[in-house]
Amino acid sequence: MKAVVLKGPRDLMVLDVPKMKPGPGQLLVRVRKCGICGSDVRYFNGENPWAKQTLGRETPNPPNIILGHEFVGIVEEVCEDKDSALIGKRVAVNTFITCGHCTFCRNGQENLCANTKHLGHGQGWGVMDYYPGGMAEYCLAFASQVYELPDHVSDEEATFLDPMIAALHAVDIGGPKPLDRVAVYGAGPIGLLIAQYAKAFGAILTFISDVAGENLEVARALGVDLVVNVSGQVRFLDEVMTQSGNEGVDLAFNTVGTTESIEESLAILKKGGTVVLLAAKEDLIRFPALLLSGERCLRTSSNAMYSDFPRALEFLASGTIRVAPLITHRFSLSDAVRAFEVACNKSRSGAIKVILDCSSGD
């Protein structure tokens, strides 16, 4: 089968590799579509974002990772008879499974399990010739973590369920309430999803910032109340303060992760407000301690919960969260190297979400 194999940092190839055989608790999916995620770009560049976010350390990646964890397809083969009813079903795939035995798993914090097996990330599998992922004609999946899709949800839309669960978990961490004002730093896919969730949870005003005009146009089309291009001299903080009568916001989500943006996202809060940090670009972050006065809070968000997947699917199927406007580029599986060039150079390409058609290697 054809697969997109990351042999090492910035060494990506479309190769013919052996089709994997599902083991106990697994099944085989014939992949139709797979999105390229920001974490795929980070893996491409030699980072291991999962280890940074979950384990809190730098961990080298193994060679020969088949990338891709935002995929949808048709169940082709199962290992166990109890899963045979899934054969032929069009499914979205929750691409991680945890050990079930550690303290975190037993306390309902499976998102923090250090023994996670994750498709497309090369994590938790031991030593393999090729680590399974969704940028391939076929991919393994966990039988307990596939969800049959409603007919009206397209394959392309369903590829967003993985970023949707990450965004939903972050929103749960922040806990937006009706009539809250919510600011989002970064109008990439996660930021655009968070802004929509905030509205769905009752936010009265949503604000978002970015340097990419294309992303901000999508934000405006999705109903964000104030979009601010910060590529020039305009400051997001000033604009939000003006719009909020100098009160600030109840909740801020930071997907950018620079020290400057983290400091500003604290400064933009009302007393008692919360910043949810989804990324950190620098190893050392400094900000004035006074920014935590008045019971302001800085929290982080890692991964997602099992229960987030069916919730996100309901948000998608109901039309509450819209994802089609985020799709900017489409490529065939065989053209994946060029697709990554587009995804890695968003300022030049204008890419928001790049999707691979994996249904044919042609």
Protein backbone atom coordinates (compact mmCIF):
# COMPACT_ATOMS: atom_id res chain seq x y z
CA MET A 1 0.00 0.00 0.00
CA LYS A 2 1.07 3.61 -0.51
CA ALA A 3 1.82 5.62 2.62
CA VAL A 4 3.35 8.96 3.59
CA VAL A 5 6.44 7.97 5.59
CA LEU A 6 8.46 10.36 7.72
CA LYS A 7 11.87 8.69 7.66
CA GLY A 8 13.48 11.44 9.74
CA PRO A 9 13.34 15.21 10.22
CA ARG A 10 12.31 16.88 6.94
CA ASP A 11 12.72 13.55 5.13
CA LEU A 12 9.24 12.69 3.87
CA MET A 13 8.46 10.18 1.14
CA VAL A 14 5.47 8.41 -0.39
CA LEU A 15 6.45 4.74 -0.27
CA ASP A 16 5.01 1.31 -0.89
CA VAL A 17 4.86 -0.39 2.51
CA PRO A 18 3.27 -3.64 3.73
CA LYS A 19 -0.42 -3.45 4.58
CA MET A 20 -0.78 -4.01 8.31
CA LYS A 21 -2.87 -6.79 9.83
CA PRO A 22 -5.23 -5.88 12.69
CA GLY A 23 -4.60 -7.55 16.04
CA PRO A 24 -6.93 -8.01 19.02
CA GLY A 25 -9.04 -4.91 19.62
CA GLN A 26 -8.07 -3.51 16.23
CA LEU A 27 -9.53 -3.27 12.76
CA LEU A 28 -8.31 -2.10 9.36
CA VAL A 29 -9.71 1.01 7.70
CA ARG A 30 -9.50 1.75 3.98
CA VAL A 31 -8.69 5.44 4.25
CA ARG A 32 -10.60 7.95 2.14
CA LYS A 33 -9.49 11.35 3.43
CA CYS A 34 -6.86 12.58 5.89
CA GLY A 35 -6.11 16.11 7.05
CA ILE A 36 -2.66 17.57 7.64
CA CYS A 37 -2.49 18.90 11.20
CA GLY A 38 -0.17 21.48 12.71
CA SER A 39 1.37 18.69 14.77
CA ASP A 40 2.15 16.79 11.53
CA VAL A 41 4.17 19.82 10.46
CA ARG A 42 5.98 19.79 13.79
CA TYR A 43 6.79 16.09 13.43
CA PHE A 44 8.03 16.82 9.92
CA ASN A 45 10.40 19.41 11.38
CA GLY A 46 11.75 16.94 13.97
CA GLU A 47 9.69 17.87 17.03
CA ASN A 48 7.61 15.54 19.18
CA PRO A 49 4.65 17.71 20.27
CA TRP A 50 2.80 14.86 21.99
CA ALA A 51 5.74 14.19 24.34
CA LYS A 52 6.17 17.90 25.05
CA GLN A 53 2.50 18.42 25.80
CA THR A 54 1.78 15.23 27.74
CA LEU A 55 5.08 14.05 29.20
CA GLY A 56 6.67 17.47 29.61
CA ARG A 57 9.92 16.45 27.97
CA GLU A 58 11.77 16.28 24.69
CA THR A 59 11.54 12.77 23.22
CA PRO A 60 13.10 11.80 19.88
CA ASN A 61 10.84 10.37 17.22
CA PRO A 62 11.40 6.90 15.81
CA PRO A 63 12.11 6.58 12.08
CA ASN A 64 9.43 5.57 9.59
CA ILE A 65 6.32 7.15 11.09
CA ILE A 66 3.34 7.03 8.75
CA LEU A 67 1.89 10.43 9.54
CA GLY A 68 -1.80 11.30 9.84
CA HIS A 69 -4.31 11.30 12.69
CA GLU A 70 -7.24 13.14 11.08
CA PHE A 71 -8.74 10.45 8.90
CA VAL A 72 -11.96 8.83 7.82
CA GLY A 73 -12.59 5.67 5.84
CA ILE A 74 -14.35 2.35 5.39
CA VAL A 75 -13.83 -0.59 7.75
CA GLU A 76 -12.20 -3.27 5.61
CA GLU A 77 -11.23 -6.00 8.07
CA VAL A 78 -11.62 -6.85 11.75
CA CYS A 79 -9.69 -9.12 14.05
CA GLU A 80 -12.50 -10.29 16.33
CA ASP A 81 -15.94 -11.59 15.41
CA LYS A 82 -17.63 -9.21 17.85
CA ASP A 83 -16.59 -6.32 15.59
CA SER A 84 -17.77 -7.89 12.32
CA ALA A 85 -20.84 -5.61 12.11
CA LEU A 86 -18.45 -2.73 11.47
CA ILE A 87 -17.21 -4.15 8.16
CA GLY A 88 -18.24 -1.86 5.33
CA LYS A 89 -19.18 1.02 7.63
CA ARG A 90 -17.93 4.55 6.91
CA VAL A 91 -16.28 5.66 10.11
CA ALA A 92 -14.40 8.48 11.75
CA VAL A 93 -11.49 7.38 13.90
CA ASN A 94 -10.48 8.53 17.36
CA THR A 95 -6.79 7.86 16.93
CA PHE A 96 -5.58 7.23 20.46
CA ILE A 97 -6.09 4.57 23.11
CA THR A 98 -4.62 4.54 26.60
CA CYS A 99 -3.36 1.84 28.95
CA GLY A 100 -6.45 1.80 31.22
CA HIS A 101 -4.33 0.86 34.24
CA CYS A 102 -2.37 3.94 35.30
CA THR A 103 -3.54 6.41 37.93
CA PHE A 104 -4.60 8.91 35.30
CA CYS A 105 -6.69 6.40 33.34
CA ARG A 106 -8.38 5.15 36.51
CA ASN A 107 -9.16 8.70 37.61
CA GLY A 108 -10.84 9.62 34.32
CA GLN A 109 -7.83 11.58 33.05
CA GLU A 110 -6.94 9.35 30.13
CA ASN A 111 -5.72 12.40 28.21
CA LEU A 112 -2.66 12.43 30.52
CA CYS A 113 -1.75 8.74 30.18
CA ALA A 114 1.96 8.32 29.43
CA ASN A 115 1.35 4.92 27.83
CA THR A 116 -0.90 6.14 25.04
CA LYS A 117 -0.88 4.42 21.65
CA HIS A 118 -1.44 7.09 19.05
CA LEU A 119 -1.92 6.66 15.31
CA GLY A 120 0.22 8.98 13.22
CA HIS A 121 2.47 9.90 16.14
CA GLY A 122 4.71 6.85 16.51
CA GLN A 123 3.92 6.72 20.23
CA GLY A 124 3.39 3.69 22.44
CA TRP A 125 3.96 0.99 19.82
CA GLY A 126 7.38 -0.30 20.80
CA VAL A 127 9.71 -0.98 17.89
CA MET A 128 8.11 -1.36 14.45
CA ASP A 129 9.28 -1.25 10.85
CA TYR A 130 6.56 1.32 10.11
CA TYR A 131 4.37 3.10 12.66
CA PRO A 132 0.71 3.26 11.60
CA GLY A 133 -0.96 6.48 10.53
CA GLY A 134 -3.82 7.75 8.43
CA MET A 135 -1.88 9.16 5.46
CA ALA A 136 -2.02 5.82 3.73
CA GLU A 137 -4.35 3.70 1.67
CA TYR A 138 -5.04 1.58 4.77
CA CYS A 139 -4.59 2.20 8.48
CA LEU A 140 -5.14 0.28 11.68
CA ALA A 141 -7.72 1.65 14.11
CA PHE A 142 -8.94 0.74 17.58
CA ALA A 143 -12.29 -1.02 17.33
CA SER A 144 -13.61 0.73 20.44
CA GLN A 145 -12.72 4.13 18.98
CA VAL A 146 -14.45 4.22 15.61
CA TYR A 147 -17.74 6.02 15.04
CA GLU A 148 -20.15 5.43 12.19
CA LEU A 149 -20.81 8.66 10.31
CA PRO A 150 -24.19 10.10 9.37
CA ASP A 151 -24.72 10.24 5.61
CA HIS A 152 -24.91 14.04 5.57
CA VAL A 153 -21.45 14.47 7.14
CA SER A 154 -18.90 14.39 4.33
CA ASP A 155 -15.54 12.64 4.47
CA GLU A 156 -13.74 15.99 4.39
CA GLU A 157 -15.83 17.37 7.23
CA ALA A 158 -15.22 14.25 9.30
CA THR A 159 -11.43 14.72 9.11
CA PHE A 160 -11.93 17.68 11.47
CA LEU A 161 -13.12 15.54 14.36
CA ASP A 162 -9.61 15.16 15.76
CA PRO A 163 -8.95 18.92 15.97
CA MET A 164 -12.54 19.34 17.14
CA ILE A 165 -11.94 17.15 20.20
CA ALA A 166 -8.73 19.02 21.05
CA ALA A 167 -10.60 22.32 20.81
CA LEU A 168 -13.56 20.97 22.78
CA HIS A 169 -11.35 19.78 25.63
CA ALA A 170 -9.66 23.19 25.80
CA VAL A 171 -13.07 24.86 25.92
CA ASP A 172 -14.11 22.53 28.74
CA ILE A 173 -10.96 23.54 30.63
CA GLY A 174 -11.93 27.20 30.24
CA GLY A 175 -15.61 26.66 31.02
CA PRO A 176 -17.28 29.51 29.08
CA LYS A 177 -20.60 30.66 30.50
CA PRO A 178 -23.55 32.42 28.90
CA LEU A 179 -22.83 36.13 28.29
CA ASP A 180 -19.06 35.69 28.62
CA ARG A 181 -16.67 37.65 26.45
CA VAL A 182 -14.05 35.34 24.90
CA ALA A 183 -10.77 36.17 23.13
CA VAL A 184 -8.86 33.72 20.94
CA TYR A 185 -5.22 34.20 19.99
CA GLY A 186 -4.60 32.53 16.63
CA ALA A 187 -7.13 31.89 13.86
CA GLY A 188 -5.77 28.54 12.73
CA PRO A 189 -8.09 25.51 12.69
CA ILE A 190 -8.03 25.06 16.49
CA GLY A 191 -8.64 28.75 17.17
CA LEU A 192 -11.49 28.91 14.65
CA LEU A 193 -13.09 25.85 16.25
CA ILE A 194 -12.71 27.27 19.77
CA ALA A 195 -14.37 30.52 18.71
CA GLN A 196 -17.37 28.56 17.41
CA TYR A 197 -17.60 26.41 20.54
CA ALA A 198 -17.50 29.54 22.70
CA LYS A 199 -20.54 30.87 20.85
CA ALA A 200 -22.28 27.51 21.18
CA PHE A 201 -21.70 27.62 24.95
CA GLY A 202 -23.27 31.07 25.19
CA ALA A 203 -20.51 33.64 24.75
CA ILE A 204 -22.03 37.01 23.93
CA LEU A 205 -18.90 38.39 22.22
CA THR A 206 -15.97 36.59 20.60
CA PHE A 207 -12.71 38.19 19.50
CA ILE A 208 -9.90 36.62 17.46
CA SER A 209 -6.47 37.76 16.25
CA ASP A 210 -4.03 36.55 13.61
CA VAL A 211 -1.52 37.83 11.08
CA ALA A 212 -3.13 36.00 8.14
CA GLY A 213 -5.87 37.87 6.35
CA GLU A 214 -7.29 34.68 4.82
CA ASN A 215 -7.81 33.12 8.23
CA LEU A 216 -9.50 36.23 9.56
CA GLU A 217 -11.88 36.34 6.61
CA VAL A 218 -12.94 32.79 7.49
CA ALA A 219 -13.34 33.83 11.14
CA ARG A 220 -15.60 36.67 10.07
CA ALA A 221 -17.67 34.31 7.89
CA LEU A 222 -18.05 31.93 10.85
CA GLY A 223 -19.57 34.66 13.00
CA VAL A 224 -16.68 35.87 15.17
CA ASP A 225 -17.68 39.33 16.38
CA LEU A 226 -14.33 41.10 16.15
CA VAL A 227 -11.39 39.97 14.02
CA VAL A 228 -8.08 41.80 14.38
CA ASN A 229 -5.13 41.60 12.02
CA VAL A 230 -2.03 42.06 14.18
CA SER A 231 0.50 41.94 11.34
CA GLY A 232 0.96 45.73 11.59
CA GLN A 233 0.82 48.18 14.45
CA VAL A 234 -2.66 47.28 15.69
CA ARG A 235 -2.70 45.58 19.10
CA PHE A 236 -5.34 42.96 19.88
CA LEU A 237 -5.35 44.10 23.52
CA ASP A 238 -6.26 47.68 22.57
CA GLU A 239 -9.04 46.63 20.21
CA VAL A 240 -10.60 44.24 22.71
CA MET A 241 -10.42 46.75 25.53
CA THR A 242 -12.15 49.33 23.36
CA GLN A 243 -14.92 46.90 22.41
CA SER A 244 -15.38 45.72 26.01
CA GLY A 245 -15.53 49.16 27.61
CA ASN A 246 -12.06 48.61 29.10
CA GLU A 247 -13.32 45.64 31.12
CA GLY A 248 -11.49 42.93 29.21
CA VAL A 249 -12.67 39.37 28.66
CA ASP A 250 -13.80 36.56 30.92
CA LEU A 251 -11.83 33.93 29.04
CA ALA A 252 -8.89 33.86 26.63
CA PHE A 253 -7.57 30.94 24.61
CA ASN A 254 -3.97 31.11 23.40
CA THR A 255 -3.00 28.86 20.48
CA VAL A 256 0.05 30.98 19.57
CA GLY A 257 2.28 30.24 22.54
CA THR A 258 4.80 33.09 22.35
CA THR A 259 5.82 34.82 25.56
CA GLU A 260 4.46 38.12 24.23
CA SER A 261 1.07 36.63 23.41
CA ILE A 262 0.83 34.83 26.76
CA GLU A 263 1.58 38.04 28.64
CA GLU A 264 -1.00 39.92 26.59
CA SER A 265 -3.64 37.20 27.03
CA LEU A 266 -3.31 37.62 30.80
CA ALA A 267 -3.48 41.40 30.50
CA ILE A 268 -6.67 41.14 28.45
CA LEU A 269 -8.54 39.34 31.27
CA LYS A 270 -11.07 40.72 33.69
CA LYS A 271 -10.46 39.95 37.36
CA GLY A 272 -11.32 36.32 37.96
CA GLY A 273 -10.74 35.48 34.29
CA THR A 274 -8.91 32.49 32.85
CA VAL A 275 -6.35 31.97 30.09
CA VAL A 276 -6.22 28.49 28.54
CA LEU A 277 -2.82 27.88 26.95
CA LEU A 278 -2.70 25.28 24.16
CA ALA A 279 0.88 25.79 23.00
CA ALA A 280 4.21 27.16 24.20
CA LYS A 281 6.82 28.16 21.64
CA GLU A 282 9.63 28.91 24.07
CA ASP A 283 11.25 26.82 26.81
CA LEU A 284 11.24 29.73 29.27
CA ILE A 285 8.26 32.06 29.67
CA ARG A 286 8.41 35.21 31.81
CA PHE A 287 5.63 37.65 32.63
CA PRO A 288 4.90 40.11 35.46
CA ALA A 289 3.41 38.39 38.50
CA LEU A 290 0.89 41.23 38.84
CA LEU A 291 -0.89 39.86 35.77
CA LEU A 292 -2.13 37.05 38.03
CA SER A 293 -3.66 39.48 40.52
CA GLY A 294 -7.40 39.57 41.06
CA GLU A 295 -7.71 35.77 40.86
CA ARG A 296 -6.69 35.64 37.22
CA CYS A 297 -5.76 32.09 36.25
CA LEU A 298 -3.46 30.47 33.67
CA ARG A 299 -4.34 26.87 32.73
CA THR A 300 -3.09 24.47 30.08
CA SER A 301 -4.91 21.96 27.91
CA SER A 302 -3.55 18.59 26.78
CA ASN A 303 -5.07 16.23 24.23
CA ALA A 304 -8.73 15.22 24.70
CA MET A 305 -11.01 12.77 26.48
CA TYR A 306 -12.68 9.70 24.98
CA SER A 307 -16.07 11.28 25.61
CA ASP A 308 -15.14 14.35 23.56
CA PHE A 309 -15.34 12.41 20.29
CA PRO A 310 -19.07 11.59 20.26
CA ARG A 311 -19.80 15.10 21.56
CA ALA A 312 -17.77 16.65 18.75
CA LEU A 313 -19.51 14.42 16.22
CA GLU A 314 -22.87 15.70 17.47
CA PHE A 315 -21.70 19.31 17.16
CA LEU A 316 -20.56 18.58 13.61
CA ALA A 317 -23.62 16.59 12.54
CA SER A 318 -26.01 19.22 13.91
CA GLY A 319 -24.28 22.01 12.00
CA THR A 320 -23.48 23.88 15.22
CA ILE A 321 -19.78 23.78 14.31
CA ARG A 322 -18.91 24.47 10.67
CA VAL A 323 -15.65 23.23 9.22
CA ALA A 324 -16.00 23.30 5.41
CA PRO A 325 -14.93 26.99 5.20
CA LEU A 326 -11.56 26.04 6.72
CA ILE A 327 -10.57 23.76 3.82
CA THR A 328 -8.24 25.59 1.44
CA HIS A 329 -6.17 22.93 -0.35
CA ARG A 330 -6.64 19.36 -1.55
CA PHE A 331 -4.03 16.92 -2.82
CA SER A 332 -3.82 13.26 -3.78
CA LEU A 333 -1.90 10.87 -1.54
CA SER A 334 0.84 10.58 -4.16
CA ASP A 335 1.30 14.35 -4.05
CA ALA A 336 1.72 14.45 -0.27
CA VAL A 337 5.23 15.94 -0.35
CA ARG A 338 3.90 18.99 -2.22
CA ALA A 339 0.94 19.11 0.18
CA PHE A 340 3.39 19.39 3.09
CA GLU A 341 5.24 22.20 1.31
CA VAL A 342 1.94 24.09 1.21
CA ALA A 343 1.10 23.26 4.85
CA CYS A 344 4.57 24.24 6.05
CA ASN A 345 4.49 27.61 4.28
CA LYS A 346 1.08 28.97 5.22
CA SER A 347 2.13 32.60 5.03
CA ARG A 348 2.93 32.12 1.36
CA SER A 349 0.28 29.55 0.40
CA GLY A 350 -2.63 30.93 2.44
CA ALA A 351 -3.37 27.40 3.67
CA ILE A 352 -5.66 26.83 6.61
CA LYS A 353 -6.48 23.14 6.26
CA VAL A 354 -4.89 20.84 3.71
CA ILE A 355 -6.60 17.51 3.00
CA LEU A 356 -5.23 14.42 1.28
CA ASP A 357 -7.37 12.11 -0.82
CA CYS A 358 -6.08 8.68 0.19
CA SER A 359 -8.65 6.65 -1.74
CA SER A 360 -6.23 6.20 -4.62
CA GLY A 361 -2.47 6.43 -4.83
CA ASP A 362 -2.77 8.03 -8.26
